[in-house]
Amino acid sequence: MDTRKTIGWNVRLLRVELGLSQERLALETDIDRSYVGRIERGTENVTVAALDAIARALGVPVSRLFVEPDEIEPPPPLRSGRKRRSS
């Protein structure tokens, strides 16, 4: 797997594990949502600044984004729609 795809895979995996949408991750990192999507698809040459912001938002060191994944299947998508507000 090439480096861009590895980074994208790990970003998506960690984001889904935390239950964050691409939009929420984009808001927390001050990165455009479409840029987050391109990073996750492995089509973007992501900047170091963006990697740092994403890693901070996901609560992992930047090096975690470069780890070759063991899994072959991508993580399942989040449920669509807005989350219900808790009372």
PDB file of N, CA and C in Angstrom:
ATOM      1  N   MET A   1       0.865  -1.173   0.000  1.00  0.00           N
ATOM      2  CA  MET A   1       0.000   0.000   0.000  1.00  0.00           C
ATOM      3  C   MET A   1       0.907   1.230   0.000  1.00  0.00           C
ATOM      4  N   ASP A   2       0.605   2.207  -0.859  1.00  0.00           N
ATOM      5  CA  ASP A   2       1.451   3.397  -0.881  1.00  0.00           C
ATOM      6  C   ASP A   2       1.171   4.293   0.335  1.00  0.00           C
ATOM      7  N   THR A   3       2.057   5.208   0.591  1.00  0.00           N
ATOM      8  CA  THR A   3       2.011   6.014   1.811  1.00  0.00           C
ATOM      9  C   THR A   3       0.734   6.841   1.919  1.00  0.00           C
ATOM     10  N   ARG A   4       0.300   7.444   0.821  1.00  0.00           N
ATOM     11  CA  ARG A   4      -0.934   8.249   0.877  1.00  0.00           C
ATOM     12  C   ARG A   4      -2.134   7.393   1.247  1.00  0.00           C
ATOM     13  N   LYS A   5      -2.209   6.194   0.693  1.00  0.00           N
ATOM     14  CA  LYS A   5      -3.323   5.289   1.012  1.00  0.00           C
ATOM     15  C   LYS A   5      -3.231   4.804   2.461  1.00  0.00           C
ATOM     16  N   THR A   6      -2.025   4.539   2.940  1.00  0.00           N
ATOM     17  CA  THR A   6      -1.838   4.116   4.325  1.00  0.00           C
ATOM     18  C   THR A   6      -2.303   5.200   5.285  1.00  0.00           C
ATOM     19  N   ILE A   7      -1.908   6.434   5.022  1.00  0.00           N
ATOM     20  CA  ILE A   7      -2.336   7.555   5.871  1.00  0.00           C
ATOM     21  C   ILE A   7      -3.854   7.677   5.840  1.00  0.00           C
ATOM     22  N   GLY A   8      -4.427   7.649   4.645  1.00  0.00           N
ATOM     23  CA  GLY A   8      -5.878   7.776   4.509  1.00  0.00           C
ATOM     24  C   GLY A   8      -6.627   6.672   5.227  1.00  0.00           C
ATOM     25  N   TRP A   9      -6.141   5.448   5.092  1.00  0.00           N
ATOM     26  CA  TRP A   9      -6.750   4.291   5.749  1.00  0.00           C
ATOM     27  C   TRP A   9      -6.763   4.502   7.257  1.00  0.00           C
ATOM     28  N   ASN A  10      -5.609   4.908   7.802  1.00  0.00           N
ATOM     29  CA  ASN A  10      -5.494   5.096   9.243  1.00  0.00           C
ATOM     30  C   ASN A  10      -6.344   6.256   9.749  1.00  0.00           C
ATOM     31  N   VAL A  11      -6.406   7.340   8.992  1.00  0.00           N
ATOM     32  CA  VAL A  11      -7.255   8.467   9.388  1.00  0.00           C
ATOM     33  C   VAL A  11      -8.704   8.006   9.460  1.00  0.00           C
ATOM     34  N   ARG A  12      -9.151   7.311   8.422  1.00  0.00           N
ATOM     35  CA  ARG A  12     -10.545   6.851   8.411  1.00  0.00           C
ATOM     36  C   ARG A  12     -10.820   5.866   9.547  1.00  0.00           C
ATOM     37  N   LEU A  13      -9.917   4.909   9.735  1.00  0.00           N
ATOM     38  CA  LEU A  13     -10.089   3.917  10.792  1.00  0.00           C
ATOM     39  C   LEU A  13     -10.202   4.585  12.163  1.00  0.00           C
ATOM     40  N   LEU A  14      -9.296   5.483  12.470  1.00  0.00           N
ATOM     41  CA  LEU A  14      -9.312   6.162  13.767  1.00  0.00           C
ATOM     42  C   LEU A  14     -10.530   7.071  13.912  1.00  0.00           C
ATOM     43  N   ARG A  15     -10.888   7.761  12.826  1.00  0.00           N
ATOM     44  CA  ARG A  15     -12.048   8.655  12.864  1.00  0.00           C
ATOM     45  C   ARG A  15     -13.321   7.875  13.146  1.00  0.00           C
ATOM     46  N   VAL A  16     -13.502   6.754  12.458  1.00  0.00           N
ATOM     47  CA  VAL A  16     -14.701   5.926  12.646  1.00  0.00           C
ATOM     48  C   VAL A  16     -14.725   5.332  14.050  1.00  0.00           C
ATOM     49  N   GLU A  17     -13.556   4.882  14.546  1.00  0.00           N
ATOM     50  CA  GLU A  17     -13.490   4.338  15.907  1.00  0.00           C
ATOM     51  C   GLU A  17     -13.942   5.364  16.945  1.00  0.00           C
ATOM     52  N   LEU A  18     -13.636   6.640  16.693  1.00  0.00           N
ATOM     53  CA  LEU A  18     -14.046   7.708  17.613  1.00  0.00           C
ATOM     54  C   LEU A  18     -15.471   8.191  17.357  1.00  0.00           C
ATOM     55  N   GLY A  19     -16.082   7.701  16.283  1.00  0.00           N
ATOM     56  CA  GLY A  19     -17.442   8.101  15.955  1.00  0.00           C
ATOM     57  C   GLY A  19     -17.535   9.509  15.390  1.00  0.00           C
ATOM     58  N   LEU A  20     -16.447   9.973  14.775  1.00  0.00           N
ATOM     59  CA  LEU A  20     -16.431  11.317  14.194  1.00  0.00           C
ATOM     60  C   LEU A  20     -16.790  11.255  12.711  1.00  0.00           C
ATOM     61  N   SER A  21     -17.574  12.192  12.261  1.00  0.00           N
ATOM     62  CA  SER A  21     -17.831  12.324  10.834  1.00  0.00           C
ATOM     63  C   SER A  21     -16.663  13.073  10.200  1.00  0.00           C
ATOM     64  N   GLN A  22     -16.566  13.026   8.892  1.00  0.00           N
ATOM     65  CA  GLN A  22     -15.542  13.820   8.206  1.00  0.00           C
ATOM     66  C   GLN A  22     -15.756  15.297   8.500  1.00  0.00           C
ATOM     67  N   GLU A  23     -16.994  15.701   8.536  1.00  0.00           N
ATOM     68  CA  GLU A  23     -17.305  17.102   8.803  1.00  0.00           C
ATOM     69  C   GLU A  23     -16.828  17.520  10.197  1.00  0.00           C
ATOM     70  N   ARG A  24     -17.075  16.678  11.202  1.00  0.00           N
ATOM     71  CA  ARG A  24     -16.652  16.992  12.571  1.00  0.00           C
ATOM     72  C   ARG A  24     -15.133  17.056  12.661  1.00  0.00           C
ATOM     73  N   LEU A  25     -14.441  16.097  12.022  1.00  0.00           N
ATOM     74  CA  LEU A  25     -12.981  16.113  12.014  1.00  0.00           C
ATOM     75  C   LEU A  25     -12.473  17.375  11.329  1.00  0.00           C
ATOM     76  N   ALA A  26     -13.094  17.741  10.226  1.00  0.00           N
ATOM     77  CA  ALA A  26     -12.697  18.956   9.516  1.00  0.00           C
ATOM     78  C   ALA A  26     -12.871  20.194  10.396  1.00  0.00           C
ATOM     79  N   LEU A  27     -13.975  20.266  11.115  1.00  0.00           N
ATOM     80  CA  LEU A  27     -14.207  21.409  12.001  1.00  0.00           C
ATOM     81  C   LEU A  27     -13.181  21.467  13.126  1.00  0.00           C
ATOM     82  N   GLU A  28     -12.860  20.318  13.698  1.00  0.00           N
ATOM     83  CA  GLU A  28     -11.914  20.275  14.815  1.00  0.00           C
ATOM     84  C   GLU A  28     -10.478  20.567  14.387  1.00  0.00           C
ATOM     85  N   THR A  29     -10.174  20.368  13.119  1.00  0.00           N
ATOM     86  CA  THR A  29      -8.814  20.584  12.625  1.00  0.00           C
ATOM     87  C   THR A  29      -8.678  21.850  11.791  1.00  0.00           C
ATOM     88  N   ASP A  30      -9.783  22.519  11.536  1.00  0.00           N
ATOM     89  CA  ASP A  30      -9.802  23.715  10.682  1.00  0.00           C
ATOM     90  C   ASP A  30      -9.278  23.383   9.277  1.00  0.00           C
ATOM     91  N   ILE A  31      -9.718  22.219   8.785  1.00  0.00           N
ATOM     92  CA  ILE A  31      -9.378  21.750   7.445  1.00  0.00           C
ATOM     93  C   ILE A  31     -10.681  21.579   6.685  1.00  0.00           C
ATOM     94  N   ASP A  32     -10.668  21.871   5.395  1.00  0.00           N
ATOM     95  CA  ASP A  32     -11.870  21.710   4.579  1.00  0.00           C
ATOM     96  C   ASP A  32     -12.307  20.250   4.551  1.00  0.00           C
ATOM     97  N   ARG A  33     -13.622  19.997   4.628  1.00  0.00           N
ATOM     98  CA  ARG A  33     -14.141  18.638   4.654  1.00  0.00           C
ATOM     99  C   ARG A  33     -13.766  17.861   3.395  1.00  0.00           C
ATOM    100  N   SER A  34     -13.768  18.512   2.256  1.00  0.00           N
ATOM    101  CA  SER A  34     -13.418  17.808   1.023  1.00  0.00           C
ATOM    102  C   SER A  34     -11.941  17.401   1.032  1.00  0.00           C
ATOM    103  N   TYR A  35     -11.088  18.184   1.678  1.00  0.00           N
ATOM    104  CA  TYR A  35      -9.672  17.839   1.816  1.00  0.00           C
ATOM    105  C   TYR A  35      -9.533  16.593   2.689  1.00  0.00           C
ATOM    106  N   VAL A  36     -10.313  16.521   3.772  1.00  0.00           N
ATOM    107  CA  VAL A  36     -10.312  15.332   4.635  1.00  0.00           C
ATOM    108  C   VAL A  36     -10.713  14.109   3.812  1.00  0.00           C
ATOM    109  N   GLY A  37     -11.732  14.245   2.990  1.00  0.00           N
ATOM    110  CA  GLY A  37     -12.176  13.140   2.142  1.00  0.00           C
ATOM    111  C   GLY A  37     -11.093  12.680   1.175  1.00  0.00           C
ATOM    112  N   ARG A  38     -10.398  13.632   0.576  1.00  0.00           N
ATOM    113  CA  ARG A  38      -9.319  13.282  -0.356  1.00  0.00           C
ATOM    114  C   ARG A  38      -8.157  12.610   0.376  1.00  0.00           C
ATOM    115  N   ILE A  39      -7.881  13.058   1.600  1.00  0.00           N
ATOM    116  CA  ILE A  39      -6.839  12.415   2.406  1.00  0.00           C
ATOM    117  C   ILE A  39      -7.228  10.958   2.659  1.00  0.00           C
ATOM    118  N   GLU A  40      -8.469  10.738   3.081  1.00  0.00           N
ATOM    119  CA  GLU A  40      -8.927   9.382   3.390  1.00  0.00           C
ATOM    120  C   GLU A  40      -8.923   8.477   2.161  1.00  0.00           C
ATOM    121  N   ARG A  41      -9.175   9.021   0.996  1.00  0.00           N
ATOM    122  CA  ARG A  41      -9.150   8.212  -0.238  1.00  0.00           C
ATOM    123  C   ARG A  41      -7.724   7.984  -0.741  1.00  0.00           C
ATOM    124  N   GLY A  42      -6.753   8.690  -0.155  1.00  0.00           N
ATOM    125  CA  GLY A  42      -5.365   8.532  -0.564  1.00  0.00           C
ATOM    126  C   GLY A  42      -5.026   9.232  -1.857  1.00  0.00           C
ATOM    127  N   THR A  43      -5.789  10.258  -2.208  1.00  0.00           N
ATOM    128  CA  THR A  43      -5.537  10.988  -3.452  1.00  0.00           C
ATOM    129  C   THR A  43      -4.866  12.329  -3.213  1.00  0.00           C
ATOM    130  N   GLU A  44      -4.630  12.678  -1.978  1.00  0.00           N
ATOM    131  CA  GLU A  44      -4.079  13.984  -1.630  1.00  0.00           C
ATOM    132  C   GLU A  44      -2.675  13.847  -1.064  1.00  0.00           C
ATOM    133  N   ASN A  45      -1.767  14.724  -1.500  1.00  0.00           N
ATOM    134  CA  ASN A  45      -0.454  14.822  -0.866  1.00  0.00           C
ATOM    135  C   ASN A  45      -0.630  15.713   0.355  1.00  0.00           C
ATOM    136  N   VAL A  46      -0.888  15.090   1.476  1.00  0.00           N
ATOM    137  CA  VAL A  46      -1.243  15.801   2.698  1.00  0.00           C
ATOM    138  C   VAL A  46      -0.033  16.534   3.265  1.00  0.00           C
ATOM    139  N   THR A  47      -0.269  17.718   3.797  1.00  0.00           N
ATOM    140  CA  THR A  47       0.813  18.520   4.369  1.00  0.00           C
ATOM    141  C   THR A  47       1.134  18.054   5.787  1.00  0.00           C
ATOM    142  N   VAL A  48       2.322  18.405   6.239  1.00  0.00           N
ATOM    143  CA  VAL A  48       2.733  18.067   7.594  1.00  0.00           C
ATOM    144  C   VAL A  48       1.825  18.772   8.601  1.00  0.00           C
ATOM    145  N   ALA A  49       1.463  20.003   8.321  1.00  0.00           N
ATOM    146  CA  ALA A  49       0.576  20.752   9.223  1.00  0.00           C
ATOM    147  C   ALA A  49      -0.781  20.062   9.343  1.00  0.00           C
ATOM    148  N   ALA A  50      -1.305  19.570   8.229  1.00  0.00           N
ATOM    149  CA  ALA A  50      -2.588  18.872   8.260  1.00  0.00           C
ATOM    150  C   ALA A  50      -2.463  17.558   9.020  1.00  0.00           C
ATOM    151  N   LEU A  51      -1.374  16.827   8.801  1.00  0.00           N
ATOM    152  CA  LEU A  51      -1.154  15.574   9.531  1.00  0.00           C
ATOM    153  C   LEU A  51      -1.097  15.838  11.037  1.00  0.00           C
ATOM    154  N   ASP A  52      -0.408  16.894  11.431  1.00  0.00           N
ATOM    155  CA  ASP A  52      -0.292  17.236  12.845  1.00  0.00           C
ATOM    156  C   ASP A  52      -1.668  17.555  13.435  1.00  0.00           C
ATOM    157  N   ALA A  53      -2.448  18.365  12.731  1.00  0.00           N
ATOM    158  CA  ALA A  53      -3.783  18.737  13.217  1.00  0.00           C
ATOM    159  C   ALA A  53      -4.693  17.519  13.319  1.00  0.00           C
ATOM    160  N   ILE A  54      -4.646  16.655  12.335  1.00  0.00           N
ATOM    161  CA  ILE A  54      -5.487  15.453  12.333  1.00  0.00           C
ATOM    162  C   ILE A  54      -5.088  14.522  13.477  1.00  0.00           C
ATOM    163  N   ALA A  55      -3.793  14.302  13.637  1.00  0.00           N
ATOM    164  CA  ALA A  55      -3.324  13.422  14.707  1.00  0.00           C
ATOM    165  C   ALA A  55      -3.749  13.953  16.076  1.00  0.00           C
ATOM    166  N   ARG A  56      -3.639  15.253  16.279  1.00  0.00           N
ATOM    167  CA  ARG A  56      -4.068  15.852  17.554  1.00  0.00           C
ATOM    168  C   ARG A  56      -5.558  15.633  17.781  1.00  0.00           C
ATOM    169  N   ALA A  57      -6.359  15.862  16.739  1.00  0.00           N
ATOM    170  CA  ALA A  57      -7.808  15.696  16.870  1.00  0.00           C
ATOM    171  C   ALA A  57      -8.184  14.239  17.146  1.00  0.00           C
ATOM    172  N   LEU A  58      -7.403  13.306  16.612  1.00  0.00           N
ATOM    173  CA  LEU A  58      -7.675  11.886  16.809  1.00  0.00           C
ATOM    174  C   LEU A  58      -7.020  11.338  18.078  1.00  0.00           C
ATOM    175  N   GLY A  59      -6.196  12.155  18.711  1.00  0.00           N
ATOM    176  CA  GLY A  59      -5.559  11.764  19.970  1.00  0.00           C
ATOM    177  C   GLY A  59      -4.462  10.725  19.812  1.00  0.00           C
ATOM    178  N   VAL A  60      -3.742  10.796  18.698  1.00  0.00           N
ATOM    179  CA  VAL A  60      -2.654   9.848  18.442  1.00  0.00           C
ATOM    180  C   VAL A  60      -1.411  10.614  17.999  1.00  0.00           C
ATOM    181  N   PRO A  61      -0.230  10.001  18.145  1.00  0.00           N
ATOM    182  CA  PRO A  61       0.971  10.634  17.583  1.00  0.00           C
ATOM    183  C   PRO A  61       0.928  10.556  16.057  1.00  0.00           C
ATOM    184  N   VAL A  62       1.570  11.501  15.401  1.00  0.00           N
ATOM    185  CA  VAL A  62       1.584  11.526  13.933  1.00  0.00           C
ATOM    186  C   VAL A  62       2.103  10.206  13.369  1.00  0.00           C
ATOM    187  N   SER A  63       3.066   9.605  14.034  1.00  0.00           N
ATOM    188  CA  SER A  63       3.642   8.348  13.540  1.00  0.00           C
ATOM    189  C   SER A  63       2.594   7.248  13.398  1.00  0.00           C
ATOM    190  N   ARG A  64       1.518   7.311  14.182  1.00  0.00           N
ATOM    191  CA  ARG A  64       0.449   6.294  14.109  1.00  0.00           C
ATOM    192  C   ARG A  64      -0.222   6.289  12.746  1.00  0.00           C
ATOM    193  N   LEU A  65      -0.225   7.422  12.061  1.00  0.00           N
ATOM    194  CA  LEU A  65      -0.877   7.529  10.762  1.00  0.00           C
ATOM    195  C   LEU A  65      -0.082   6.827   9.653  1.00  0.00           C
ATOM    196  N   PHE A  66       1.178   6.473   9.935  1.00  0.00           N
ATOM    197  CA  PHE A  66       2.040   5.833   8.942  1.00  0.00           C
ATOM    198  C   PHE A  66       2.151   4.321   9.118  1.00  0.00           C
ATOM    199  N   VAL A  67       1.457   3.745  10.092  1.00  0.00           N
ATOM    200  CA  VAL A  67       1.538   2.310  10.366  1.00  0.00           C
ATOM    201  C   VAL A  67       0.760   1.548   9.300  1.00  0.00           C
ATOM    202  N   GLU A  68       1.418   0.549   8.700  1.00  0.00           N
ATOM    203  CA  GLU A  68       0.752  -0.291   7.700  1.00  0.00           C
ATOM    204  C   GLU A  68      -0.409  -1.034   8.357  1.00  0.00           C
ATOM    205  N   PRO A  69      -1.609  -0.953   7.787  1.00  0.00           N
ATOM    206  CA  PRO A  69      -2.764  -1.628   8.392  1.00  0.00           C
ATOM    207  C   PRO A  69      -2.700  -3.142   8.227  1.00  0.00           C
ATOM    208  N   ASP A  70      -3.183  -3.845   9.250  1.00  0.00           N
ATOM    209  CA  ASP A  70      -3.274  -5.308   9.192  1.00  0.00           C
ATOM    210  C   ASP A  70      -4.544  -5.739   8.467  1.00  0.00           C
ATOM    211  N   GLU A  71      -5.561  -4.889   8.549  1.00  0.00           N
ATOM    212  CA  GLU A  71      -6.871  -5.224   8.001  1.00  0.00           C
ATOM    213  C   GLU A  71      -6.900  -5.012   6.493  1.00  0.00           C
ATOM    214  N   ILE A  72      -7.711  -5.814   5.841  1.00  0.00           N
ATOM    215  CA  ILE A  72      -7.884  -5.671   4.400  1.00  0.00           C
ATOM    216  C   ILE A  72      -9.180  -4.924   4.102  1.00  0.00           C
ATOM    217  N   GLU A  73     -10.188  -5.154   4.912  1.00  0.00           N
ATOM    218  CA  GLU A  73     -11.483  -4.502   4.723  1.00  0.00           C
ATOM    219  C   GLU A  73     -11.476  -3.123   5.378  1.00  0.00           C
ATOM    220  N   PRO A  74     -11.999  -2.118   4.689  1.00  0.00           N
ATOM    221  CA  PRO A  74     -12.082  -0.787   5.310  1.00  0.00           C
ATOM    222  C   PRO A  74     -13.091  -0.796   6.451  1.00  0.00           C
ATOM    223  N   PRO A  75     -12.953   0.129   7.381  1.00  0.00           N
ATOM    224  CA  PRO A  75     -13.917   0.186   8.481  1.00  0.00           C
ATOM    225  C   PRO A  75     -15.308   0.519   7.946  1.00  0.00           C
ATOM    226  N   PRO A  76     -16.346   0.043   8.619  1.00  0.00           N
ATOM    227  CA  PRO A  76     -17.700   0.336   8.143  1.00  0.00           C
ATOM    228  C   PRO A  76     -17.986   1.832   8.269  1.00  0.00           C
ATOM    229  N   PRO A  77     -18.844   2.364   7.402  1.00  0.00           N
ATOM    230  CA  PRO A  77     -19.173   3.783   7.499  1.00  0.00           C
ATOM    231  C   PRO A  77     -20.015   4.056   8.738  1.00  0.00           C
ATOM    232  N   LEU A  78     -19.987   5.302   9.157  1.00  0.00           N
ATOM    233  CA  LEU A  78     -20.847   5.718  10.262  1.00  0.00           C
ATOM    234  C   LEU A  78     -22.283   5.773   9.777  1.00  0.00           C
ATOM    235  N   ARG A  79     -23.220   5.690  10.709  1.00  0.00           N
ATOM    236  CA  ARG A  79     -24.631   5.861  10.336  1.00  0.00           C
ATOM    237  C   ARG A  79     -24.795   7.263   9.782  1.00  0.00           C
ATOM    238  N   SER A  80     -25.612   7.380   8.755  1.00  0.00           N
ATOM    239  CA  SER A  80     -25.830   8.706   8.179  1.00  0.00           C
ATOM    240  C   SER A  80     -26.847   9.461   9.006  1.00  0.00           C
ATOM    241  N   GLY A  81     -26.830  10.755   8.844  1.00  0.00           N
ATOM    242  CA  GLY A  81     -27.753  11.613   9.579  1.00  0.00           C
ATOM    243  C   GLY A  81     -27.135  12.166  10.842  1.00  0.00           C
ATOM    244  N   ARG A  82     -27.848  13.058  11.449  1.00  0.00           N
ATOM    245  CA  ARG A  82     -27.354  13.697  12.671  1.00  0.00           C
ATOM    246  C   ARG A  82     -27.602  12.824  13.870  1.00  0.00           C
ATOM    247  N   LYS A  83     -26.719  12.975  14.852  1.00  0.00           N
ATOM    248  CA  LYS A  83     -26.907  12.252  16.107  1.00  0.00           C
ATOM    249  C   LYS A  83     -27.988  12.950  16.915  1.00  0.00           C
ATOM    250  N   ARG A  84     -28.740  12.170  17.660  1.00  0.00           N
ATOM    251  CA  ARG A  84     -29.772  12.741  18.509  1.00  0.00           C
ATOM    252  C   ARG A  84     -29.129  13.453  19.698  1.00  0.00           C
ATOM    253  N   ARG A  85     -29.724  14.538  20.075  1.00  0.00           N
ATOM    254  CA  ARG A  85     -29.241  15.260  21.256  1.00  0.00           C
ATOM    255  C   ARG A  85     -29.616  14.503  22.503  1.00  0.00           C
ATOM    256  N   SER A  86     -28.681  14.430  23.420  1.00  0.00           N
ATOM    257  CA  SER A  86     -29.007  13.785  24.698  1.00  0.00           C
ATOM    258  C   SER A  86     -29.649  14.798  25.628  1.00  0.00           C
ATOM    259  N   SER A  87     -30.632  14.357  26.364  1.00  0.00           N
ATOM    260  CA  SER A  87     -31.380  15.283  27.229  1.00  0.00           C
ATOM    261  C   SER A  87     -30.668  15.518  28.525  1.00  0.00           C
TER     262      SER A  87
END
